[in-house]
Amino acid sequence: MRFPMKMSLENQDDVLSEQTDIDVSKCKVLVFCDYYLPGYKGGGPITTIRNLVTRLGNEIDFSIFTRSNDLGETTSYSDVPHDLWHLYAGASVRHATPENLTVPNMRRMLREKKPDVVYINSLLSRKFSLLPLIAIRLEGRQMRVVIAPRGELSGGALALKQTRKRVYLAILRASGLLRSVVWQASSQFEEMDIRSVMGRAATVVVAPDLPSIPLEPAGRQRKAPGEAQIVFVGRISPMKNLVGALNVLRSLSGNVIFSIIGPVEDEDYWAVCKRKLAMLPDNIRVDVLGPQSPESVLASLSRFDAFFLPSLGENYAHVVFESLGAGCPVILSNRTPWRGLAEKGVGVDVPLEAPEAMSAALQQIIDMNENEHLKMRTAAKAYAQSILADGKDVQASLALFDIRIQSNGQ
């Protein structure tokens, strides 16, 4: 059946009743997020919302208001309806075209959906945080409002374009739009970041992002000493610190293949990266693979010997969990919630200010033989499975939406 790609607002109520199947007994959550499926270039925030729908769908009816295009694209998706509610991957989704990203339209969404909770998947997005907050204020109806800043309040993030961000945050606080909101922190470290900006009295719920179910790792070549395949997965932007990664690679000995997976978000930064790439020694071969779907990334992680991300800050970093689940050891900065990795035998987390420690960790991977590396791969998979088996993160997410589960699980 062919569906209309756009529809006038006046005709959408009938389509809504036909194309969405809502369980009125469930908690109703309306999500505002810049990007969602079928997009993937927006990275972790898309994965976060997808996993919430997958893991909490039995308790919550999710409605997702998002853009009709992927990150960095100007054309709308060709395989989903635009500007109407439709069922997509377990949720009611509305892929809105640019002209419908307005306060009046968002007020209409609030009246249509009558949510128990509004979940705003960013703080610094004008279209998907500021406008929804204004719409909520104008509606004047009591509802729980949860904001997930997704690492935007970390020191590393605020240091980039800091004047513009601090002015924006000052205006938001002064406006009263943030009064009574609940903040989601993905870790205790992000909780500290939120309180440092929003004040000690801010209401913060620590609810780690829910991880994806890992795929069974595919077969891989035996690890030979003196060589390694290392992968970087992330948007090409200052926060992910690809430049820092390339600086570290220059000191490595042995034969190294360094694969870069992810979309270019900042062209000027990518130009700096390309200059750094040209300076690498001959023993470092680089494969620039560009953006790939999450399914492709998941399927390929197990063939790499290490995942390397010297990020300036991450609130969760889904790809770290996915790497562990694929049996791929991780080499990270200490600006993510993934800490104590060396003690677990699955990688290292070291200060950004100590690039020599990152270099030493990568060199250790390069020098490993198959038996040594197999031990790390096995530990990484076991660690990921232990995280999945622990139901505390699911309970924390339900508490974020103010849902109480009885002790018998019913």
Protein backbone atom coordinates (compact mmCIF):
# COMPACT_ATOMS: atom_id res chain seq x y z
CA MET A 1 0.00 0.00 0.00
CA ARG A 2 1.34 3.46 -0.86
CA PHE A 3 0.97 6.08 1.83
CA PRO A 4 0.80 9.86 1.44
CA MET A 5 4.10 11.59 2.06
CA LYS A 6 2.49 14.80 3.32
CA MET A 7 -0.95 15.68 4.56
CA SER A 8 -2.73 18.81 5.70
CA LEU A 9 -3.14 19.29 9.43
CA GLU A 10 -6.92 19.28 9.09
CA ASN A 11 -6.98 15.70 7.77
CA GLN A 12 -4.52 14.14 10.17
CA ASP A 13 -6.87 13.19 13.02
CA ASP A 14 -8.49 10.46 10.92
CA VAL A 15 -5.11 9.11 9.88
CA LEU A 16 -3.97 9.16 13.50
CA SER A 17 -6.87 6.96 14.62
CA GLU A 18 -6.25 4.53 11.76
CA GLN A 19 -2.46 4.24 11.91
CA THR A 20 -1.70 4.19 15.65
CA ASP A 21 -2.73 1.50 18.09
CA ILE A 22 -2.38 2.99 21.55
CA ASP A 23 -2.89 1.06 24.78
CA VAL A 24 -4.60 3.66 26.99
CA SER A 25 -3.59 1.76 30.13
CA LYS A 26 0.09 2.42 29.54
CA CYS A 27 2.09 5.48 30.51
CA LYS A 28 2.17 7.83 27.51
CA VAL A 29 5.51 9.45 26.70
CA LEU A 30 5.93 12.05 23.96
CA VAL A 31 9.54 12.27 22.77
CA PHE A 32 11.04 15.28 21.02
CA CYS A 33 14.32 14.40 19.29
CA ASP A 34 16.22 15.86 16.35
CA TYR A 35 16.80 12.58 14.55
CA TYR A 36 15.34 9.10 14.65
CA LEU A 37 14.96 5.96 12.58
CA PRO A 38 15.29 5.26 9.71
CA GLY A 39 18.15 7.73 10.14
CA TYR A 40 21.43 6.68 11.71
CA LYS A 41 23.92 9.51 11.15
CA GLY A 42 22.79 11.18 14.38
CA GLY A 43 24.55 8.41 16.26
CA GLY A 44 24.01 7.59 19.92
CA PRO A 45 20.87 9.67 20.61
CA ILE A 46 19.00 7.68 17.94
CA THR A 47 20.20 4.42 19.49
CA THR A 48 19.11 5.63 22.92
CA ILE A 49 15.51 6.26 21.86
CA ARG A 50 15.35 3.06 19.82
CA ASN A 51 16.50 1.05 22.84
CA LEU A 52 13.98 2.76 25.14
CA VAL A 53 11.19 1.74 22.77
CA THR A 54 12.53 -1.81 22.46
CA ARG A 55 13.19 -2.40 26.14
CA LEU A 56 10.30 -0.45 27.75
CA GLY A 57 7.58 -0.90 25.15
CA ASN A 58 5.56 -3.21 27.39
CA GLU A 59 5.13 -0.48 30.00
CA ILE A 60 5.16 2.69 27.89
CA ASP A 61 3.45 3.94 24.73
CA PHE A 62 6.07 6.07 23.00
CA SER A 63 5.19 8.80 20.52
CA ILE A 64 8.21 10.33 18.79
CA PHE A 65 8.24 13.73 17.10
CA THR A 66 11.35 14.10 14.94
CA ARG A 67 12.73 15.46 11.70
CA SER A 68 11.88 14.00 8.30
CA ASN A 69 15.58 13.84 7.37
CA ASP A 70 18.83 12.42 8.69
CA LEU A 71 21.74 14.42 10.12
CA GLY A 72 23.49 16.40 7.40
CA GLU A 73 20.78 15.70 4.82
CA THR A 74 18.38 18.24 3.30
CA THR A 75 16.04 15.78 1.61
CA SER A 76 13.36 13.90 3.52
CA TYR A 77 13.25 10.13 3.87
CA SER A 78 11.56 8.51 0.89
CA ASP A 79 10.32 5.41 2.71
CA VAL A 80 8.24 6.88 5.57
CA PRO A 81 5.23 9.21 5.69
CA HIS A 82 5.81 12.84 6.54
CA ASP A 83 3.79 15.11 8.86
CA LEU A 84 1.46 12.44 10.18
CA TRP A 85 1.55 9.90 12.97
CA HIS A 86 2.33 6.36 11.88
CA LEU A 87 3.52 3.16 13.50
CA TYR A 88 7.24 2.62 13.06
CA ALA A 89 9.46 0.10 14.87
CA GLY A 90 7.15 -0.25 17.86
CA ALA A 91 6.29 3.44 18.39
CA SER A 92 4.00 6.10 17.01
CA VAL A 93 6.32 8.37 15.03
CA ARG A 94 5.83 11.68 13.27
CA HIS A 95 8.57 12.65 10.80
CA ALA A 96 8.04 16.40 10.54
CA THR A 97 9.14 18.49 7.58
CA PRO A 98 10.93 21.80 8.34
CA GLU A 99 7.86 23.98 7.90
CA ASN A 100 6.06 22.03 10.64
CA LEU A 101 8.76 22.44 13.26
CA THR A 102 6.86 25.22 14.97
CA VAL A 103 5.48 26.01 18.41
CA PRO A 104 1.82 25.94 17.23
CA ASN A 105 2.32 22.50 15.70
CA MET A 106 4.03 21.22 18.83
CA ARG A 107 1.16 22.52 20.95
CA ARG A 108 -1.14 20.55 18.68
CA MET A 109 0.96 17.43 19.29
CA LEU A 110 0.64 17.92 23.05
CA ARG A 111 -3.15 18.23 22.78
CA GLU A 112 -3.42 15.19 20.49
CA LYS A 113 -1.24 12.89 22.54
CA LYS A 114 -2.06 14.14 26.06
CA PRO A 115 1.22 12.68 27.35
CA ASP A 116 1.92 11.78 30.95
CA VAL A 117 5.58 12.60 30.30
CA VAL A 118 7.36 14.77 27.74
CA TYR A 119 10.88 13.55 27.06
CA ILE A 120 13.24 16.07 25.44
CA ASN A 121 16.30 14.33 24.02
CA SER A 122 18.65 17.32 24.05
CA LEU A 123 19.05 20.66 25.78
CA LEU A 124 20.90 22.69 23.16
CA SER A 125 18.70 21.91 20.15
CA ARG A 126 16.63 25.00 19.38
CA LYS A 127 14.02 23.14 17.36
CA PHE A 128 13.69 20.14 19.68
CA SER A 129 14.29 21.60 23.13
CA LEU A 130 13.54 25.31 23.15
CA LEU A 131 10.40 25.12 20.99
CA PRO A 132 8.88 22.16 22.89
CA LEU A 133 9.57 23.92 26.21
CA ILE A 134 7.76 27.02 24.94
CA ALA A 135 4.85 24.88 23.71
CA ILE A 136 4.58 23.15 27.09
CA ARG A 137 4.56 26.51 28.89
CA LEU A 138 1.82 27.89 26.61
CA GLU A 139 -0.35 24.79 27.02
CA GLY A 140 -0.30 25.23 30.79
CA ARG A 141 -1.15 21.58 31.46
CA GLN A 142 0.57 19.70 34.25
CA MET A 143 2.88 17.00 32.93
CA ARG A 144 6.23 15.55 33.85
CA VAL A 145 8.99 17.04 31.67
CA VAL A 146 12.27 15.14 31.42
CA ILE A 147 15.32 16.60 29.68
CA ALA A 148 18.23 14.38 28.70
CA PRO A 149 21.17 16.69 27.89
CA ARG A 150 23.21 13.83 26.37
CA GLY A 151 26.56 15.11 27.59
CA GLU A 152 25.92 18.67 26.41
CA LEU A 153 26.70 20.03 29.90
CA SER A 154 30.08 18.34 30.26
CA GLY A 155 33.13 20.56 30.53
CA GLY A 156 34.44 19.31 27.20
CA ALA A 157 31.18 20.07 25.39
CA LEU A 158 30.72 23.52 26.95
CA ALA A 159 34.29 24.47 26.01
CA LEU A 160 33.30 24.26 22.32
CA LYS A 161 31.52 27.43 21.11
CA GLN A 162 31.33 28.30 24.79
CA THR A 163 30.14 31.92 24.52
CA ARG A 164 27.10 31.03 22.42
CA LYS A 165 26.22 28.08 24.65
CA ARG A 166 26.55 29.99 27.90
CA VAL A 167 24.39 32.85 26.62
CA TYR A 168 21.74 30.35 25.47
CA LEU A 169 21.78 28.57 28.84
CA ALA A 170 21.55 31.85 30.73
CA ILE A 171 18.49 32.85 28.70
CA LEU A 172 16.87 29.46 29.28
CA ARG A 173 17.38 29.67 33.04
CA ALA A 174 16.14 33.25 33.21
CA SER A 175 13.01 32.42 31.18
CA GLY A 176 11.73 29.95 33.76
CA LEU A 177 11.25 27.31 31.05
CA LEU A 178 13.46 24.90 33.01
CA ARG A 179 11.50 25.30 36.23
CA SER A 180 10.31 21.94 37.61
CA VAL A 181 11.94 19.84 34.89
CA VAL A 182 13.51 16.48 35.72
CA TRP A 183 17.02 15.95 34.39
CA GLN A 184 18.25 12.58 33.19
CA ALA A 185 21.89 11.82 33.87
CA SER A 186 23.34 8.73 32.24
CA SER A 187 25.94 8.40 35.00
CA GLN A 188 27.03 9.93 38.28
CA PHE A 189 29.61 11.90 36.31
CA GLU A 190 26.89 13.50 34.18
CA GLU A 191 24.87 14.18 37.31
CA MET A 192 27.77 16.30 38.57
CA ASP A 193 27.93 18.11 35.22
CA ILE A 194 24.21 18.91 35.34
CA ARG A 195 24.32 20.18 38.92
CA SER A 196 27.39 22.31 38.19
CA VAL A 197 25.41 24.19 35.52
CA MET A 198 21.81 23.97 36.78
CA GLY A 199 22.49 24.20 40.50
CA ARG A 200 22.61 21.78 43.39
CA ALA A 201 18.83 21.91 43.81
CA ALA A 202 18.15 20.54 40.31
CA THR A 203 16.05 17.35 40.22
CA VAL A 204 18.32 14.74 38.64
CA VAL A 205 17.57 11.07 38.07
CA VAL A 206 20.54 8.86 37.21
CA ALA A 207 19.26 6.45 34.57
CA PRO A 208 21.97 4.95 32.34
CA ASP A 209 21.13 4.60 28.67
CA LEU A 210 19.83 1.14 27.86
CA PRO A 211 22.29 -0.83 25.74
CA SER A 212 21.54 -2.66 22.52
CA ILE A 213 21.37 -6.44 22.52
CA PRO A 214 24.75 -7.44 21.03
CA LEU A 215 24.99 -9.65 17.98
CA GLU A 216 26.80 -12.96 18.15
CA PRO A 217 30.37 -12.01 17.13
CA ALA A 218 31.29 -13.10 13.64
CA GLY A 219 34.39 -15.11 12.88
CA ARG A 220 37.69 -13.27 12.80
CA GLN A 221 41.32 -13.78 11.87
CA ARG A 222 43.84 -14.90 14.47
CA LYS A 223 45.70 -12.09 16.17
CA ALA A 224 49.36 -12.02 15.14
CA PRO A 225 51.99 -10.15 17.20
CA GLY A 226 53.20 -6.89 15.68
CA GLU A 227 50.01 -5.99 13.84
CA ALA A 228 46.52 -4.78 14.66
CA GLN A 229 43.28 -3.52 13.20
CA ILE A 230 42.01 -0.54 15.19
CA VAL A 231 38.67 1.20 14.64
CA PHE A 232 37.29 4.66 15.43
CA VAL A 233 33.49 4.99 15.26
CA GLY A 234 31.84 8.39 15.68
CA ARG A 235 30.81 11.61 14.05
CA ILE A 236 33.75 13.59 12.66
CA SER A 237 33.54 16.53 15.06
CA PRO A 238 35.78 18.08 17.73
CA MET A 239 33.97 16.26 20.58
CA LYS A 240 34.97 12.84 19.28
CA ASN A 241 38.60 13.98 19.04
CA LEU A 242 39.73 12.17 15.91
CA VAL A 243 42.66 14.60 15.74
CA GLY A 244 43.80 13.37 19.15
CA ALA A 245 43.51 9.78 17.96
CA LEU A 246 45.65 10.49 14.89
CA ASN A 247 48.30 12.19 17.03
CA VAL A 248 48.53 9.07 19.21
CA LEU A 249 48.84 6.76 16.20
CA ARG A 250 52.02 8.48 15.02
CA SER A 251 54.08 6.93 17.80
CA LEU A 252 53.00 3.30 17.23
CA SER A 253 55.29 0.60 15.87
CA GLY A 254 54.13 -2.45 13.96
CA ASN A 255 51.69 -2.76 11.09
CA VAL A 256 48.44 -1.01 11.89
CA ILE A 257 45.23 -0.64 9.91
CA PHE A 258 43.16 2.24 11.33
CA SER A 259 39.52 2.33 10.15
CA ILE A 260 37.40 5.47 10.53
CA ILE A 261 33.62 4.97 10.54
CA GLY A 262 31.21 7.90 10.81
CA PRO A 263 29.73 10.90 9.03
CA VAL A 264 31.53 14.21 8.65
CA GLU A 265 29.67 16.66 10.89
CA ASP A 266 32.22 19.49 10.77
CA GLU A 267 33.93 20.06 7.41
CA ASP A 268 36.54 22.44 8.85
CA TYR A 269 37.50 19.87 11.48
CA TRP A 270 37.66 17.14 8.84
CA ALA A 271 40.11 19.31 6.87
CA VAL A 272 42.38 19.37 9.94
CA CYS A 273 42.02 15.58 10.25
CA LYS A 274 43.04 15.08 6.62
CA ARG A 275 46.20 17.10 7.21
CA LYS A 276 46.97 14.85 10.19
CA LEU A 277 46.28 11.75 8.10
CA ALA A 278 48.90 12.87 5.57
CA MET A 279 51.50 13.05 8.36
CA LEU A 280 51.11 9.44 9.55
CA PRO A 281 54.08 7.11 9.06
CA ASP A 282 54.06 4.35 6.46
CA ASN A 283 53.32 1.60 8.99
CA ILE A 284 49.89 3.13 9.69
CA ARG A 285 47.34 2.45 6.95
CA VAL A 286 44.05 4.33 7.18
CA ASP A 287 40.69 3.23 5.75
CA VAL A 288 38.08 6.01 5.73
CA LEU A 289 34.83 4.03 5.56
CA GLY A 290 32.35 6.90 6.00
CA PRO A 291 28.92 6.60 7.63
CA GLN A 292 27.49 3.12 8.07
CA SER A 293 24.20 1.81 9.40
CA PRO A 294 24.17 0.60 13.02
CA GLU A 295 23.59 -2.94 11.78
CA SER A 296 26.72 -2.79 9.62
CA VAL A 297 28.80 -1.38 12.46
CA LEU A 298 27.58 -4.06 14.87
CA ALA A 299 28.34 -6.80 12.40
CA SER A 300 31.89 -5.55 11.76
CA LEU A 301 33.15 -4.72 15.27
CA SER A 302 34.25 -8.25 16.09
CA ARG A 303 36.89 -8.25 13.33
CA PHE A 304 38.83 -5.39 14.94
CA ASP A 305 41.50 -5.83 17.58
CA ALA A 306 40.66 -2.60 19.44
CA PHE A 307 38.15 0.25 19.47
CA PHE A 308 39.79 3.66 20.05
CA LEU A 309 37.87 6.76 21.18
CA PRO A 310 39.80 9.56 22.94
CA SER A 311 36.57 11.59 23.25
CA LEU A 312 36.33 14.97 24.96
CA GLY A 313 33.15 13.73 26.66
CA GLU A 314 30.42 11.12 26.36
CA ASN A 315 27.27 10.72 28.44
CA TYR A 316 27.12 7.00 27.56
CA ALA A 317 28.73 5.98 24.21
CA HIS A 318 26.63 3.07 22.92
CA VAL A 319 29.41 1.99 20.60
CA VAL A 320 31.62 1.22 23.60
CA PHE A 321 29.09 -1.33 24.87
CA GLU A 322 28.61 -2.65 21.35
CA SER A 323 32.38 -3.10 20.98
CA LEU A 324 32.59 -4.97 24.27
CA GLY A 325 29.66 -7.17 23.26
CA ALA A 326 31.46 -7.99 20.02
CA GLY A 327 34.60 -8.98 21.94
CA CYS A 328 36.54 -5.90 20.85
CA PRO A 329 38.69 -4.35 23.64
CA VAL A 330 38.28 -0.58 24.08
CA ILE A 331 40.86 2.20 24.53
CA LEU A 332 39.11 5.33 25.82
CA SER A 333 39.69 8.69 27.42
CA ASN A 334 38.48 9.10 30.98
CA ARG A 335 35.72 11.43 29.78
CA THR A 336 33.11 8.67 29.46
CA PRO A 337 31.18 6.70 32.11
CA TRP A 338 33.17 3.59 31.19
CA ARG A 339 35.74 3.41 33.99
CA GLY A 340 37.89 0.76 35.60
CA LEU A 341 38.35 -1.06 32.31
CA ALA A 342 41.90 -2.25 33.01
CA GLU A 343 40.81 -3.96 36.22
CA LYS A 344 38.17 -5.84 34.25
CA GLY A 345 40.69 -6.86 31.60
CA VAL A 346 38.66 -5.35 28.75
CA GLY A 347 40.67 -2.24 27.86
CA VAL A 348 41.80 1.02 29.45
CA ASP A 349 40.42 4.47 30.26
CA VAL A 350 43.15 7.09 30.58
CA PRO A 351 43.26 10.88 30.95
CA LEU A 352 43.20 12.94 27.77
CA GLU A 353 46.21 14.74 29.17
CA ALA A 354 48.23 11.49 28.97
CA PRO A 355 48.39 10.58 25.26
CA GLU A 356 51.48 8.50 25.99
CA ALA A 357 49.31 6.19 28.12
CA MET A 358 46.89 5.75 25.19
CA SER A 359 49.83 5.00 22.92
CA ALA A 360 51.16 2.41 25.39
CA ALA A 361 47.74 0.72 25.60
CA LEU A 362 47.46 0.51 21.81
CA GLN A 363 51.01 -0.75 21.51
CA GLN A 364 50.20 -3.49 23.99
CA ILE A 365 47.31 -4.57 21.74
CA ILE A 366 49.59 -4.54 18.69
CA ASP A 367 52.18 -6.70 20.44
CA MET A 368 49.70 -9.33 21.68
CA ASN A 369 49.51 -12.82 20.31
CA GLU A 370 46.26 -14.71 19.73
CA ASN A 371 46.07 -16.27 23.21
CA GLU A 372 46.65 -12.95 24.97
CA HIS A 373 44.10 -11.17 22.82
CA LEU A 374 41.56 -13.98 23.14
CA LYS A 375 41.65 -13.50 26.90
CA MET A 376 40.68 -9.83 26.47
CA ARG A 377 37.99 -10.65 23.91
CA THR A 378 36.44 -13.21 26.22
CA ALA A 379 36.50 -10.80 29.17
CA ALA A 380 34.93 -8.04 27.06
CA LYS A 381 32.00 -10.23 25.99
CA ALA A 382 31.47 -11.46 29.56
CA TYR A 383 31.45 -7.88 30.87
CA ALA A 384 28.84 -6.83 28.28
CA GLN A 385 26.66 -9.81 29.17
CA SER A 386 26.86 -8.95 32.87
CA ILE A 387 25.59 -5.44 32.11
CA LEU A 388 22.65 -6.83 30.14
CA ALA A 389 21.80 -9.30 32.90
CA ASP A 390 21.61 -6.55 35.51
CA GLY A 391 18.04 -5.18 35.50
CA LYS A 392 18.91 -2.04 37.47
CA ASP A 393 19.23 0.14 34.39
CA VAL A 394 15.73 -0.81 33.22
CA GLN A 395 14.32 -0.05 36.66
CA ALA A 396 16.12 3.32 36.67
CA SER A 397 14.63 4.17 33.26
CA LEU A 398 11.13 3.32 34.48
CA ALA A 399 11.69 5.50 37.54
CA LEU A 400 12.75 8.32 35.20
CA PHE A 401 9.24 8.23 33.74
CA ASP A 402 7.78 7.90 37.25
CA ILE A 403 6.61 4.33 36.67
CA ARG A 404 6.58 2.06 39.69
CA ILE A 405 7.00 -1.68 39.18
CA GLN A 406 5.77 -3.93 41.95
CA SER A 407 8.28 -6.24 43.60
CA ASN A 408 6.74 -9.31 41.93
CA GLY A 409 7.54 -7.77 38.55
CA GLN A 410 3.92 -7.26 37.55
